[in-house]
N, C-alpha and C. Protein backbone atom coordinates (compact mmCIF):
# COMPACT_ATOMS: atom_id res chain seq x y z
N MET A 1 42.57 72.80 14.32
CA MET A 1 41.62 71.74 14.13
C MET A 1 41.96 70.96 12.87
N TYR A 2 41.74 69.67 12.97
CA TYR A 2 41.97 68.80 11.82
C TYR A 2 40.77 68.83 10.89
N SER A 3 41.05 68.73 9.61
CA SER A 3 39.95 68.58 8.67
C SER A 3 39.46 67.14 8.76
N GLN A 4 38.33 66.87 8.21
CA GLN A 4 37.76 65.52 8.26
C GLN A 4 38.68 64.53 7.55
N GLN A 5 39.27 64.94 6.45
CA GLN A 5 40.18 64.06 5.71
C GLN A 5 41.42 63.74 6.55
N GLN A 6 41.97 64.73 7.24
CA GLN A 6 43.14 64.50 8.08
C GLN A 6 42.80 63.56 9.24
N GLN A 7 41.61 63.71 9.81
CA GLN A 7 41.19 62.83 10.89
C GLN A 7 41.06 61.39 10.40
N GLN A 8 40.50 61.22 9.21
CA GLN A 8 40.35 59.89 8.64
C GLN A 8 41.71 59.25 8.38
N GLN A 9 42.65 60.05 7.84
CA GLN A 9 43.99 59.53 7.59
C GLN A 9 44.67 59.13 8.88
N GLN A 10 44.51 59.95 9.92
CA GLN A 10 45.12 59.64 11.21
C GLN A 10 44.51 58.36 11.79
N GLN A 11 43.21 58.20 11.67
CA GLN A 11 42.55 56.99 12.16
C GLN A 11 43.03 55.76 11.40
N GLN A 12 43.19 55.88 10.09
CA GLN A 12 43.67 54.77 9.28
C GLN A 12 45.09 54.39 9.68
N GLN A 13 45.93 55.38 9.93
CA GLN A 13 47.30 55.11 10.35
C GLN A 13 47.33 54.41 11.70
N GLN A 14 46.49 54.86 12.62
CA GLN A 14 46.42 54.24 13.94
C GLN A 14 45.93 52.80 13.83
N GLN A 15 44.92 52.57 13.00
CA GLN A 15 44.41 51.22 12.80
C GLN A 15 45.47 50.33 12.17
N SER A 16 46.20 50.87 11.21
CA SER A 16 47.25 50.11 10.56
C SER A 16 48.34 49.73 11.56
N MET A 17 48.74 50.68 12.40
CA MET A 17 49.76 50.40 13.40
C MET A 17 49.25 49.37 14.40
N HIS A 18 47.97 49.48 14.76
CA HIS A 18 47.38 48.52 15.70
C HIS A 18 47.35 47.13 15.09
N MET A 19 46.98 47.03 13.82
CA MET A 19 46.93 45.73 13.15
C MET A 19 48.32 45.14 13.01
N GLN A 20 49.32 45.94 12.75
CA GLN A 20 50.68 45.43 12.64
C GLN A 20 51.14 44.87 13.97
N GLY A 21 50.78 45.53 15.06
CA GLY A 21 51.11 45.03 16.38
C GLY A 21 50.43 43.71 16.67
N MET A 22 49.25 43.52 16.11
CA MET A 22 48.50 42.27 16.31
C MET A 22 49.08 41.14 15.47
N ASN A 23 49.88 41.45 14.48
CA ASN A 23 50.41 40.43 13.57
C ASN A 23 51.58 39.68 14.15
N THR A 24 52.11 40.11 15.27
CA THR A 24 53.23 39.40 15.87
C THR A 24 52.72 38.52 16.99
N VAL A 25 53.23 37.31 17.04
CA VAL A 25 52.84 36.35 18.07
C VAL A 25 53.97 36.24 19.08
N SER A 26 53.65 36.50 20.31
CA SER A 26 54.67 36.41 21.36
C SER A 26 54.92 34.94 21.69
N SER A 27 56.01 34.68 22.37
CA SER A 27 56.30 33.30 22.76
C SER A 27 55.24 32.77 23.73
N LYS A 28 54.69 33.63 24.55
CA LYS A 28 53.63 33.22 25.47
C LYS A 28 52.37 32.83 24.69
N GLU A 29 52.02 33.62 23.68
CA GLU A 29 50.86 33.30 22.86
C GLU A 29 51.09 32.00 22.08
N LEU A 30 52.29 31.84 21.58
CA LEU A 30 52.62 30.62 20.85
C LEU A 30 52.52 29.40 21.75
N ALA A 31 52.98 29.52 22.99
CA ALA A 31 52.86 28.41 23.95
C ALA A 31 51.40 28.11 24.23
N TYR A 32 50.58 29.13 24.34
CA TYR A 32 49.15 28.95 24.58
C TYR A 32 48.51 28.22 23.40
N ILE A 33 48.83 28.63 22.19
CA ILE A 33 48.27 27.99 21.00
C ILE A 33 48.71 26.53 20.93
N THR A 34 49.97 26.27 21.25
CA THR A 34 50.49 24.90 21.27
C THR A 34 49.71 24.06 22.27
N ASP A 35 49.47 24.60 23.45
CA ASP A 35 48.68 23.89 24.46
C ASP A 35 47.26 23.62 23.96
N CYS A 36 46.67 24.61 23.31
CA CYS A 36 45.31 24.44 22.77
C CYS A 36 45.28 23.32 21.74
N LEU A 37 46.29 23.29 20.87
CA LEU A 37 46.36 22.23 19.86
C LEU A 37 46.46 20.85 20.51
N LYS A 38 47.28 20.75 21.53
CA LYS A 38 47.43 19.47 22.23
C LYS A 38 46.11 19.07 22.90
N ASN A 39 45.45 20.03 23.53
CA ASN A 39 44.18 19.74 24.20
C ASN A 39 43.10 19.32 23.21
N GLU A 40 43.00 20.02 22.09
CA GLU A 40 42.00 19.67 21.08
C GLU A 40 42.27 18.27 20.54
N ASP A 41 43.54 17.96 20.32
CA ASP A 41 43.91 16.64 19.82
C ASP A 41 43.55 15.55 20.83
N LEU A 42 43.82 15.81 22.09
CA LEU A 42 43.52 14.84 23.14
C LEU A 42 42.01 14.60 23.25
N ILE A 43 41.23 15.67 23.22
CA ILE A 43 39.78 15.53 23.30
C ILE A 43 39.26 14.72 22.11
N ALA A 44 39.78 14.99 20.92
CA ALA A 44 39.35 14.25 19.74
C ALA A 44 39.68 12.76 19.88
N LYS A 45 40.88 12.45 20.38
CA LYS A 45 41.27 11.05 20.55
C LYS A 45 40.39 10.34 21.57
N ILE A 46 40.07 11.02 22.66
CA ILE A 46 39.21 10.42 23.69
C ILE A 46 37.81 10.19 23.12
N ALA A 47 37.30 11.15 22.36
CA ALA A 47 35.97 10.99 21.76
C ALA A 47 35.96 9.84 20.76
N ILE A 48 37.01 9.71 19.96
CA ILE A 48 37.10 8.62 18.98
C ILE A 48 37.15 7.27 19.71
N GLN A 49 37.89 7.23 20.80
CA GLN A 49 37.94 6.00 21.59
C GLN A 49 36.56 5.67 22.15
N GLY A 50 35.84 6.68 22.59
CA GLY A 50 34.48 6.48 23.09
C GLY A 50 33.54 5.96 22.02
N VAL A 51 33.71 6.43 20.80
CA VAL A 51 32.89 5.93 19.69
C VAL A 51 33.15 4.43 19.50
N ALA A 52 34.41 4.04 19.56
CA ALA A 52 34.77 2.64 19.34
C ALA A 52 34.26 1.74 20.46
N GLU A 53 34.21 2.25 21.67
CA GLU A 53 33.88 1.42 22.82
C GLU A 53 32.41 1.46 23.22
N SER A 54 31.68 2.46 22.80
CA SER A 54 30.29 2.63 23.24
C SER A 54 29.34 1.69 22.50
N GLN A 55 28.31 1.28 23.20
CA GLN A 55 27.25 0.46 22.61
C GLN A 55 26.03 1.31 22.26
N ASP A 56 25.93 2.48 22.86
CA ASP A 56 24.78 3.37 22.68
C ASP A 56 24.96 4.19 21.39
N GLN A 57 24.01 4.06 20.47
CA GLN A 57 24.12 4.72 19.16
C GLN A 57 24.08 6.24 19.29
N GLN A 58 23.24 6.76 20.17
CA GLN A 58 23.17 8.22 20.35
C GLN A 58 24.49 8.76 20.92
N LEU A 59 25.04 8.03 21.85
CA LEU A 59 26.32 8.44 22.44
C LEU A 59 27.42 8.40 21.39
N LYS A 60 27.41 7.37 20.56
CA LYS A 60 28.41 7.26 19.49
C LYS A 60 28.32 8.47 18.55
N GLN A 61 27.09 8.84 18.19
CA GLN A 61 26.90 9.98 17.29
C GLN A 61 27.40 11.27 17.93
N LYS A 62 27.08 11.45 19.21
CA LYS A 62 27.52 12.67 19.90
C LYS A 62 29.04 12.71 20.01
N LEU A 63 29.66 11.60 20.36
CA LEU A 63 31.12 11.55 20.47
C LEU A 63 31.79 11.77 19.11
N ALA A 64 31.19 11.22 18.07
CA ALA A 64 31.73 11.43 16.71
C ALA A 64 31.66 12.91 16.35
N GLN A 65 30.56 13.58 16.73
CA GLN A 65 30.43 15.01 16.46
C GLN A 65 31.46 15.81 17.25
N ILE A 66 31.67 15.42 18.50
CA ILE A 66 32.68 16.10 19.33
C ILE A 66 34.06 15.94 18.70
N ALA A 67 34.38 14.72 18.28
CA ALA A 67 35.69 14.48 17.65
C ALA A 67 35.86 15.34 16.40
N GLN A 68 34.82 15.40 15.58
CA GLN A 68 34.88 16.20 14.36
C GLN A 68 35.07 17.68 14.68
N ASP A 69 34.33 18.17 15.67
CA ASP A 69 34.46 19.58 16.07
C ASP A 69 35.87 19.88 16.56
N ARG A 70 36.42 19.01 17.38
CA ARG A 70 37.77 19.22 17.92
C ARG A 70 38.81 19.23 16.79
N LEU A 71 38.66 18.33 15.83
CA LEU A 71 39.60 18.30 14.71
C LEU A 71 39.48 19.56 13.85
N GLN A 72 38.25 20.07 13.71
CA GLN A 72 38.07 21.32 12.98
C GLN A 72 38.72 22.48 13.73
N HIS A 73 38.61 22.49 15.06
CA HIS A 73 39.27 23.54 15.84
C HIS A 73 40.78 23.47 15.67
N THR A 74 41.31 22.24 15.66
CA THR A 74 42.75 22.06 15.46
C THR A 74 43.17 22.63 14.10
N ASP A 75 42.41 22.29 13.06
CA ASP A 75 42.71 22.81 11.72
C ASP A 75 42.66 24.34 11.69
N GLN A 76 41.65 24.89 12.36
CA GLN A 76 41.50 26.35 12.38
C GLN A 76 42.68 27.01 13.10
N LEU A 77 43.08 26.45 14.22
CA LEU A 77 44.23 26.98 14.94
C LEU A 77 45.50 26.91 14.10
N LEU A 78 45.69 25.78 13.43
CA LEU A 78 46.89 25.62 12.59
C LEU A 78 46.88 26.61 11.42
N ARG A 79 45.74 26.77 10.77
CA ARG A 79 45.65 27.73 9.65
C ARG A 79 45.94 29.15 10.14
N THR A 80 45.36 29.51 11.27
CA THR A 80 45.58 30.85 11.82
C THR A 80 47.05 31.06 12.15
N LEU A 81 47.64 30.06 12.74
CA LEU A 81 49.06 30.14 13.09
C LEU A 81 49.93 30.27 11.83
N GLN A 82 49.60 29.49 10.81
CA GLN A 82 50.37 29.56 9.55
C GLN A 82 50.21 30.93 8.90
N GLN A 83 49.00 31.47 8.89
CA GLN A 83 48.78 32.80 8.33
C GLN A 83 49.56 33.84 9.13
N GLN A 84 49.55 33.68 10.43
CA GLN A 84 50.26 34.61 11.31
C GLN A 84 51.76 34.59 11.01
N THR A 85 52.30 33.40 10.84
CA THR A 85 53.75 33.29 10.59
C THR A 85 54.09 33.85 9.22
N GLN A 86 53.22 33.67 8.25
CA GLN A 86 53.47 34.20 6.91
C GLN A 86 53.44 35.72 6.94
N MET A 87 52.54 36.31 7.72
CA MET A 87 52.44 37.76 7.80
C MET A 87 53.66 38.39 8.47
N SER A 88 54.22 37.68 9.41
CA SER A 88 55.33 38.26 10.16
C SER A 88 56.67 38.12 9.45
N HIS A 89 56.70 37.40 8.34
CA HIS A 89 57.96 37.24 7.60
C HIS A 89 58.01 38.13 6.41
């Protein structure tokens, strides 16, 4: 039987190994992230165009919020990707 300390050490090692495995981005995951970035950018551009063309003030506000949210998602994806690449080097 393992002592409690040995069990804790084993769990920490397993968690560490699991986290290291999570730190690598496969080419499939990278392609998915790239697609997400393109989609977020496209949605933001369409929303910005809608703001410029709309006459309805409520619609303009909603589209502006959508554009802002999409750009924030893009920034978040890029930051995560940059952190991921820094960890793997």
